[in-house]
Amino acid sequence: MRDYYSPKRTYVGQYTQDKHNTYFEHGLGYYNVPLTGKCAGEFDHNTVTGVAVKTWEHGETYVGQYLLNKKQGVGLHVWPTGARYYGEFHNNKPCGYGILETAHKGVKFIGRVDGMIAEPREGQWYLNDKPCGLDEADVDGLGCRTLKNGTVVNAVGERTEKFTDKNGEIVTRHTEKNIVTETRYIEPYNFMYGKRDTTHYGDWIRTYTGHFLSGRYHGRSLVQQLGTPDYESNWILGDPVQFETYSSIAFDEASNYTRSIERRMTRRYCAIYDLAVSHLLRTNPIYNKQDDFTIVEFGVGKGEHLQFLQKLFPRATIIGVDNLSSFSIAKDELEKQQIDDIKIAKRIPGIHLELEQDCYDPQVIKRLIEKYGPIDLAIHDATHTSDAWNKLGAIRNGLHPNRGLLISEEMCCNNDATDKDSIDWHQIELAKDQMWRIWDLRPLGFHTHTNSFIGIWSPAPKQFHAGALSLYEIYKDGEKQYG
């Protein structure tokens, strides 16, 4: 928030300090953020870790175990509607076995759940403490009940209804806690667009108008807020930022979108690219760098994505690498098209093309580094097979040794049209063993694209902050989360 209404956090409790005399909240403590919430419990170096009680002003409560500010372990969560979940939590959400007392009178679920609203997965439903089926409980498999007027009330009492606005478009209104969100899907990327009204104690405090991703503000928006003039802001998954993002530029140029941008937006790869932009800018002062990044894309096409990267990183050296050139002899129709595309790419000013180069050859990458320097951001878009990630060792070695990023799209996808999942889970496990971080972004696009997996490799994986997408990151059993 940008005005007097911004709540000031206060902390009372134990501290510790390091050798630099930096103080950390550590031990037993209590904090209060006016108009937002309070927390009392165990702290570990400025994070809630251990047992704690947290209450929010809109009436939500959690009592249980935390790890690095996230619900992790066993706990009790109570929603403002009175719905309750007792059981296991993982990665800040109900996940595992427990008891869900729904907002529907007398309806309870005991078993395995997963999701922010404790969506049932496997177990038994009860009505007035007696085992029952879904028909008797009058709910669907996720605990949602449809009212006579068409409104859907989920297990914890959030309400969703659809109506037609004055322009004849279908709008979805979702009511939860102290928030009312009205959205519709708009072309060309089929993104949610709309507004969200937030209240405190029933009084209007803020209206956000813009795009949403994973239910959070994403892209450029207009914010109307009590106590301050209207202002524009830019967001990445609910966090305000002071720079242009992959998504904001793509939304601005939606009327001239290209296939390469459309693919990355509809598969929601844009979320990873947004976080990559944030990562590069955040680490500049750490490694005494400027915005003159070295960015390499393996797989040139018509160069449309290279042009987009020019707009996103105007001071960067943008390099396109391909094993074909405009003089190559095509072996089939696909290569003929690729060669014609390269002829178009060669006309783009300001980019560097390295053609007839095998991106998997260590000597090729070595020459690139000698010519342009270590790579800050590498994008692998040359081949898409389930084990393509395992051919990228040379590229990995060419990254900036501390903060470089390698993005590989369609990660571990086998591209089998007869396979509805299209994912090679064995390759996923192998890649994770090699320090790849992988996100399954299919849920964000309603599983429209089965190959919406994306991976990132970095020599320092903990430095890539992707906590905003933690719900979609694939973790191995017992693996510690990076956040």
Foldseek 3Di string as FASTA:
>chain_A
DPFPVFWDKDKDDDWDADPVRDIFHAAWIKMDTPLFWIKTDGDDRNFQAAWMWIATLLGKIKTGGDDRNAQAAWIKIAFNLGWIWGGGDDLRAQFAFTKTQFSQPQKIWGGGADDRNRFDDDGFITGVNHTDDCVVSQAPNRQWHADPVGWIAHRHGKIWDWDADPVRFIWIWIDGRQKIWIWAQDDDQRWTWGKMWGDGPPHTAKIWGTTAFPNADAEKIWMDGPPDHIDIFHDQLHHTDDAHALVNVCVVVRVVDDPVSSVCRNLVVSNVRRLLLVLVVVCCVVVVHDLQAEEEEEQQFLVPVLVSVCVRRVNYAYEYEYLAELPDDDPDPVVVNRSVSRVNNVPDPRHHYHYNDDQLDLVSLVVVCVVRNAHQEYEYPHDAALQPVVSNPSNQVRHDLARHKYKYFLHNFHPDPVDLLRHDVVSVVVVVVVVKKKFNSCVRNVNPDNSSMMIMDHNHVLSSDDSSRVVGIDDDVPDDDSD
